[in-house]
Each structure stands twice: as C-alpha cells, then as structure tokens.
Protein backbone atom coordinates (compact mmCIF):
# COMPACT_ATOMS: atom_id res chain seq x y z
CA UNK A 1 83.97 81.36 87.53
CA UNK A 2 87.55 80.88 86.40
CA UNK A 3 90.37 83.29 87.18
CA UNK A 4 90.36 84.40 83.55
CA UNK A 5 86.63 85.11 83.68
CA UNK A 6 87.08 86.99 86.96
CA UNK A 7 89.82 89.18 85.49
CA UNK A 8 87.73 89.87 82.41
CA UNK A 9 84.72 90.86 84.52
CA UNK A 10 86.85 93.03 86.79
CA UNK A 11 88.32 94.80 83.76
CA UNK A 12 84.84 95.39 82.36
CA UNK A 13 83.53 96.86 85.62
CA UNK A 14 86.61 99.08 85.96
CA UNK A 15 86.33 100.24 82.34
CA UNK A 16 82.67 101.16 82.87
CA UNK A 17 83.69 103.28 85.87
CA UNK A 18 86.57 104.85 83.97
CA UNK A 19 84.43 105.83 81.00
CA UNK A 20 81.63 107.26 83.12
CA UNK A 21 84.08 109.16 85.35
CA UNK A 22 85.55 110.83 82.27
CA UNK A 23 82.06 111.83 81.13
CA UNK A 24 81.22 113.22 84.56
CA UNK A 25 84.45 115.23 84.61
CA UNK A 26 83.46 116.77 81.28
CA UNK A 27 80.05 117.67 82.74
CA UNK A 28 81.18 118.93 86.14
CA UNK A 29 84.64 120.50 85.78
CA UNK A 30 85.30 123.44 83.48
CA UNK A 31 88.35 122.66 81.28
CA UNK A 32 89.79 126.15 81.79
CA UNK A 33 89.69 125.81 85.60
CA UNK A 34 92.95 124.75 87.24
CA UNK A 35 90.91 123.20 90.04
CA UNK A 36 89.06 121.17 87.44
CA UNK A 37 92.32 120.14 85.80
CA UNK A 38 93.71 119.04 89.16
CA UNK A 39 90.55 117.08 89.95
CA UNK A 40 90.73 115.30 86.59
CA UNK A 41 94.46 114.63 87.04
CA UNK A 42 93.85 112.82 90.32
CA UNK A 43 90.55 111.15 89.51
CA UNK A 44 91.52 109.82 86.09
CA UNK A 45 95.15 109.10 86.95
CA UNK A 46 94.90 105.37 87.41
CA UNK A 47 93.97 103.15 90.31
CA UNK A 48 92.24 99.79 90.49
CA UNK A 49 88.72 101.20 91.10
CA UNK A 50 88.19 98.65 93.86
CA UNK A 51 85.34 100.60 95.46
CA UNK A 52 83.57 101.23 92.19
CA UNK A 53 83.96 97.62 91.08
CA UNK A 54 82.64 96.38 94.41
CA UNK A 55 79.61 98.67 94.12
CA UNK A 56 78.77 97.30 90.69
CA UNK A 57 79.33 93.69 91.74
CA UNK A 58 77.09 94.04 94.80
CA UNK A 59 74.38 95.69 92.72
CA UNK A 60 74.51 92.86 90.20
CA UNK A 61 74.29 90.21 92.93
CA UNK A 62 71.33 92.07 94.45
CA UNK A 63 69.50 91.95 91.12
CA UNK A 64 70.07 95.53 90.00
CA UNK A 65 72.27 94.92 86.98
CA UNK A 66 74.54 97.94 86.50
CA UNK A 67 72.12 100.55 87.83
CA UNK A 68 74.71 101.54 90.44
CA UNK A 69 77.23 102.96 87.95
CA UNK A 70 76.79 106.58 88.98
CA UNK A 71 76.83 105.61 92.65
CA UNK A 72 80.07 103.71 92.00
CA UNK A 73 81.58 106.80 90.37
CA UNK A 74 80.48 109.05 93.23
CA UNK A 75 82.19 106.70 95.68
CA UNK A 76 85.37 106.85 93.61
CA UNK A 77 85.19 110.66 93.74
CA UNK A 78 84.96 110.65 97.54
CA UNK A 79 87.86 108.22 97.72
CA UNK A 80 89.96 110.39 95.40
CA UNK A 81 89.14 113.45 97.52
CA UNK A 82 90.51 111.58 100.54
CA UNK A 83 93.71 110.64 98.70
CA UNK A 84 94.40 114.21 97.61
CA UNK A 85 93.92 115.47 101.15
CA UNK A 86 95.89 112.56 102.68
CA UNK A 87 98.91 113.54 100.57
CA UNK A 88 98.92 117.22 101.61
CA UNK A 89 101.85 118.53 103.68
CA UNK A 90 99.54 119.05 106.66
CA UNK A 91 98.58 115.37 106.58
CA UNK A 92 100.92 112.60 105.32
CA UNK A 93 103.03 114.89 103.10
CA UNK A 94 103.49 112.32 100.33
CA UNK A 95 105.01 113.32 97.00
CA UNK A 96 103.81 110.33 94.95
CA UNK A 97 100.41 108.86 94.25
CA UNK A 98 99.73 106.07 91.75
CA UNK A 99 103.25 106.41 90.39
CA UNK A 100 102.93 110.12 89.58
CA UNK A 101 103.48 113.37 91.50
CA UNK A 102 100.71 113.79 94.03
CA UNK A 103 98.17 116.51 93.32
CA UNK A 104 99.79 119.17 95.49
CA UNK A 105 103.20 118.52 93.95
CA UNK A 106 101.76 118.92 90.45
CA UNK A 107 99.37 121.85 91.03
CA UNK A 108 100.35 123.39 94.36
CA UNK A 109 98.90 122.95 97.81
CA UNK A 110 96.02 125.44 97.54
CA UNK A 111 94.77 124.08 94.22
CA UNK A 112 95.03 120.49 95.48
CA UNK A 113 93.01 121.36 98.57
CA UNK A 114 90.29 122.91 96.43
CA UNK A 115 90.36 120.05 93.92
CA UNK A 116 89.66 117.59 96.73
CA UNK A 117 86.78 119.78 97.88
CA UNK A 118 85.46 119.97 94.31
CA UNK A 119 85.47 116.18 93.99
CA UNK A 120 83.62 115.82 97.28
CA UNK A 121 80.93 118.27 96.19
CA UNK A 122 80.68 116.62 92.78
CA UNK A 123 80.12 113.19 94.36
CA UNK A 124 76.87 114.33 95.97
CA UNK A 125 75.72 115.98 92.76
CA UNK A 126 76.26 112.66 91.02
CA UNK A 127 74.28 110.58 93.53
CA UNK A 128 71.46 113.15 93.62
CA UNK A 129 71.10 113.05 89.83
CA UNK A 130 72.18 109.46 89.14
CA UNK A 131 71.06 107.83 85.92
CA UNK A 132 68.94 104.68 86.01
CA UNK A 133 67.86 105.14 89.64
CA UNK A 134 64.49 106.34 90.99
CA UNK A 135 64.30 109.38 93.25
CA UNK A 136 63.98 107.30 96.41
CA UNK A 137 67.21 105.44 95.67
CA UNK A 138 69.05 108.66 94.78
CA UNK A 139 67.97 110.30 98.04
CA UNK A 140 68.96 107.26 100.09
CA UNK A 141 72.32 107.00 98.33
CA UNK A 142 73.12 110.68 98.88
CA UNK A 143 72.34 110.42 102.60
CA UNK A 144 74.29 107.17 102.93
CA UNK A 145 77.36 108.55 101.16
CA UNK A 146 77.29 111.69 103.32
CA UNK A 147 77.16 109.61 106.49
CA UNK A 148 79.99 107.31 105.40
CA UNK A 149 82.09 110.30 104.31
CA UNK A 150 81.74 111.68 107.81
CA UNK A 151 82.97 108.36 109.21
CA UNK A 152 85.94 108.44 106.85
CA UNK A 153 86.86 111.96 107.96
CA UNK A 154 86.64 110.90 111.61
CA UNK A 155 88.95 108.03 110.78
CA UNK A 156 91.42 110.51 109.33
CA UNK A 157 91.21 112.52 112.56
CA UNK A 158 92.02 109.37 114.54
CA UNK A 159 94.88 108.62 112.16
CA UNK A 160 96.47 112.01 112.86
CA UNK A 161 95.89 111.70 116.60
CA UNK A 162 97.61 108.34 116.79
CA UNK A 163 100.73 109.65 115.08
CA UNK A 164 101.60 111.14 118.47
CA UNK A 165 99.53 108.83 120.71
CA UNK A 166 100.28 105.15 119.97
CA UNK A 167 97.15 103.09 119.37
CA UNK A 168 96.30 99.78 120.97
CA UNK A 169 94.56 97.03 119.00
CA UNK A 170 91.03 98.22 119.78
CA UNK A 171 91.87 101.80 118.84
CA UNK A 172 93.52 100.69 115.61
CA UNK A 173 90.43 98.69 114.64
CA UNK A 174 88.20 101.70 115.36
CA UNK A 175 90.47 103.94 113.30
CA UNK A 176 90.33 101.73 110.22
CA UNK A 177 86.67 100.83 110.57
CA UNK A 178 86.14 104.53 109.90
CA UNK A 179 89.02 105.60 107.67
CA UNK A 180 89.06 102.60 105.30
CA UNK A 181 86.05 100.46 106.16
CA UNK A 182 83.42 103.18 105.86
CA UNK A 183 83.86 103.69 102.12
CA UNK A 184 84.41 100.02 101.29
CA UNK A 185 81.28 99.21 103.27
CA UNK A 186 79.49 101.97 101.40
CA UNK A 187 80.08 100.05 98.17
CA UNK A 188 77.83 97.22 99.34
CA UNK A 189 75.18 99.59 100.63
CA UNK A 190 75.17 101.73 97.48
CA UNK A 191 74.97 98.66 95.27
CA UNK A 192 71.98 97.36 97.18
CA UNK A 193 70.36 100.79 97.20
CA UNK A 194 70.63 100.99 93.42
CA UNK A 195 69.01 97.55 93.25
CA UNK A 196 66.07 98.99 95.23
CA UNK A 197 66.63 96.77 98.25
CA UNK A 198 65.61 97.91 101.72
CA UNK A 199 69.16 98.30 103.00
CA UNK A 200 68.52 98.01 106.77
CA UNK A 201 66.20 95.00 106.42
CA UNK A 202 67.40 93.03 103.42
CA UNK A 203 69.11 89.72 104.12
CA UNK A 204 71.10 90.16 100.94
CA UNK A 205 72.39 93.50 102.19
CA UNK A 206 73.29 92.12 105.62
CA UNK A 207 75.36 89.40 103.98
CA UNK A 208 77.06 91.84 101.61
CA UNK A 209 77.68 94.29 104.44
CA UNK A 210 79.40 91.57 106.49
CA UNK A 211 81.43 90.67 103.41
CA UNK A 212 82.44 94.29 102.80
CA UNK A 213 83.40 94.89 106.43
CA UNK A 214 85.72 91.88 106.37
CA UNK A 215 87.15 92.84 102.98
CA UNK A 216 87.69 96.42 104.19
CA UNK A 217 89.64 95.39 107.27
CA UNK A 218 91.63 92.83 105.30
CA UNK A 219 92.39 95.48 102.68
CA UNK A 220 93.86 97.78 105.32
CA UNK A 221 95.92 95.02 106.94
CA UNK A 222 97.40 94.15 103.54
CA UNK A 223 98.13 97.86 102.99
CA UNK A 224 100.10 97.88 106.24
CA UNK A 225 101.97 94.76 105.14
CA UNK A 226 102.83 96.20 101.73
CA UNK A 227 104.12 99.40 103.32
CA UNK A 228 107.00 97.38 104.78
CA UNK A 229 107.41 94.66 102.14
CA UNK A 230 106.91 96.44 98.78
CA UNK A 231 108.96 99.09 97.00
CA UNK A 232 107.77 102.59 96.15
CA UNK A 233 107.67 101.53 92.49
CA UNK A 234 105.36 98.63 93.32
CA UNK A 235 103.11 100.76 95.51
CA UNK A 236 103.03 103.85 93.30
CA UNK A 237 103.58 105.89 96.47
CA UNK A 238 106.40 106.17 99.03
CA UNK A 239 107.08 102.89 100.81
CA UNK A 240 107.69 103.06 104.54
CA UNK A 241 105.59 106.20 104.95
CA UNK A 242 103.69 104.75 107.92
CA UNK A 243 106.88 104.29 109.92
CA UNK A 244 108.16 107.69 108.80
CA UNK A 245 105.00 109.31 110.13
CA UNK A 246 105.13 107.38 113.42
CA UNK A 247 101.89 105.50 112.76
CA UNK A 248 100.74 102.42 114.61
CA UNK A 249 99.92 99.68 112.11
CA UNK A 250 98.86 96.06 112.20
CA UNK A 251 102.49 95.16 111.51
CA UNK A 252 103.86 97.24 114.38
CA UNK A 253 101.30 95.74 116.77
CA UNK A 254 101.25 92.11 115.64
CA UNK A 255 104.40 91.64 113.56
CA UNK A 256 104.53 90.73 109.90
CA UNK A 257 103.47 87.10 110.34
CA UNK A 258 100.68 88.08 112.72
CA UNK A 259 99.36 90.69 110.30
CA UNK A 260 99.44 88.20 107.43
CA UNK A 261 97.44 85.74 109.51
CA UNK A 262 94.90 88.41 110.40
CA UNK A 263 94.46 89.36 106.74
CA UNK A 264 93.84 85.71 105.84
CA UNK A 265 91.28 85.42 108.66
CA UNK A 266 89.38 88.44 107.36
CA UNK A 267 89.30 86.91 103.90
CA UNK A 268 87.86 83.72 105.38
CA UNK A 269 85.17 85.81 107.11
CA UNK A 270 84.33 87.55 103.86
CA UNK A 271 83.93 84.21 102.09
CA UNK A 272 81.80 82.85 104.93
CA UNK A 273 79.45 85.83 104.61
CA UNK A 274 78.69 84.68 101.06
CA UNK A 275 77.89 81.13 102.16
CA UNK A 276 74.19 81.33 101.24
CA UNK A 277 74.89 82.48 97.69
CA UNK A 278 75.48 80.17 94.75
CA UNK A 279 77.98 80.61 91.95
CA UNK A 280 76.57 84.05 91.16
CA UNK A 281 78.73 85.33 94.06
CA UNK A 282 81.91 83.81 92.66
CA UNK A 283 83.15 87.18 91.44
CA UNK A 284 83.02 88.54 94.97
CA UNK A 285 84.72 85.42 96.32
CA UNK A 286 87.58 85.79 93.87
CA UNK A 287 87.77 89.53 94.54
CA UNK A 288 88.32 88.91 98.27
CA UNK A 289 91.13 86.48 97.49
CA UNK A 290 92.62 88.82 94.92
CA UNK A 291 92.76 91.69 97.42
CA UNK A 292 94.42 89.43 99.99
CA UNK A 293 97.19 88.47 97.56
CA UNK A 294 97.72 91.82 95.85
CA UNK A 295 101.34 92.87 95.62
CA UNK A 296 102.63 89.28 95.63
C-alpha cells in the first residue's frame, strides 16, 4: 500500500464514521435540546477519528468488512464524552478543543457536563442496537465497551491524583494504560467482535490487541511530546497544559529525546505484532507510523 492509498483509505474510513455519527445524532439527540446541541457540537466538531478508523481497519483485517461501523461510532462517542469532561474547570480547565471553544466555554459548565453524560449513554444504545451485527456480537460489544470505559475513568482518577503526587515510571504507565490505552485497545476488540471472532481465543485478536496496546502507549507518548513542542494552533488546544497542571509526563520523566525514543520503540512493537500478516495489514502498519510522526 502506498502512502497515497493509505491516506485515501483513512479518509474513507473517517468519512464513514462522520456520516454515521451525524445520522446517530439526528436519531438520538432532540434538536431543540441544548444538551443535544452541545453533544453535537463536540462530537461533530472535527478530530481525526483515530479510534473509529482503527475499529474499522481491525474489523476489515479480521474478515468482517465494515460491520463494525456502529461500534466505531460508539467508541468515538465515549472518547468525546471523555474530552468534554477532561476540559471542565474541575478537571483540566481547558478553554480550547479542536481549535474551537471547549464545550463548557460554548454552552456553560452544567450543559457540558450533561452533554458528556448524554454521549456516554448514547454510546451503549448504539452498541446494543448496532446495524449489521448479530445479537451475540452486540451484547459482547456493549459489555466490552462498558468495561473499557470503566478503565478509562480510573485512568482519569489516576491522572488527577498524580497532579499532586508525582508519578514514577511504573505509575505513569499504569495511568495511561487505563486513560488512553483502554479505548484504543477497545478499537481492536470491537473490530474483532463485529467480525464474529472469539475475542479471548482468537490469534488474530491477540495480535491486534498487542498492536493496539503498543499504538496506544506510543500515541500518549507523542501527545506528551507535542505538548511541549507544538503550538496551541497546531494542537487545537492549549499547549503546555500538562506543565501548567503539574502533571508527570513521559517528557518530564525521560526528557524529550528519551520520550521520542520510547515512542519509536512502541511503534516498532506495533509493527512486530503484525508480523504474521501479509500486505492486507499494510494500512495498520502505515497508521502506526503516521501516529508516531503526527505533528511533524
């Protein structure tokens, strides 16, 4: 797969997610509701749809075509819920998200809080009633997403705790395995579930899970790097917010060069996890490299 073909496929996956998310918003959020307006504002306000794209790509590699589209959209809803809540004054207190006022700056704190809750509830409605998936897959996906959401929330608890209690390397890895890794890992599991694979037993799933874990950690390390090397305009959110909030990051623990090396090592691990796949995994290979080099 060439870079041009990769970019075209990524754009197609992202567009599928975008179109279906808009349809789901029409179905689930009343247009006259300010909560619904706030949910739409945040959910449809841009973003690369990395988690949704990864869900679709894993499903395709597992032989399920694009059956995971609703699962991909549900995962994007959970992720958006987490972003809205992350930005609240009681959490990171960020005024920008994706280059626009964050949800609480646009709609007020109470409405933003409820919009995040509405997106979280909607995500489980979507998995429970997903198109193109049998009942067994829908049930498994709903349970899996609930479990991974709980991990993500625990990661957020750890994130707040370590604002006042500096983390060591092991604690930082545990934090991000939950806060970031849980939902990125869920993409592989949801994709395989939509493809009707036995997630705990399937060799395909185990390989994709190892890939997603490495990509998830690498993604977070690059986030930490960009927080100190990119501008607010490039990030679409305030640069330097980690330092402002007193957070321990991979950069503060290992330095910029050390963090860059760690991110490259995680990308190598992700690529190694795909070693038994032929060229049909090239999209995932290029995605891992793309995420490593984003912002450059």
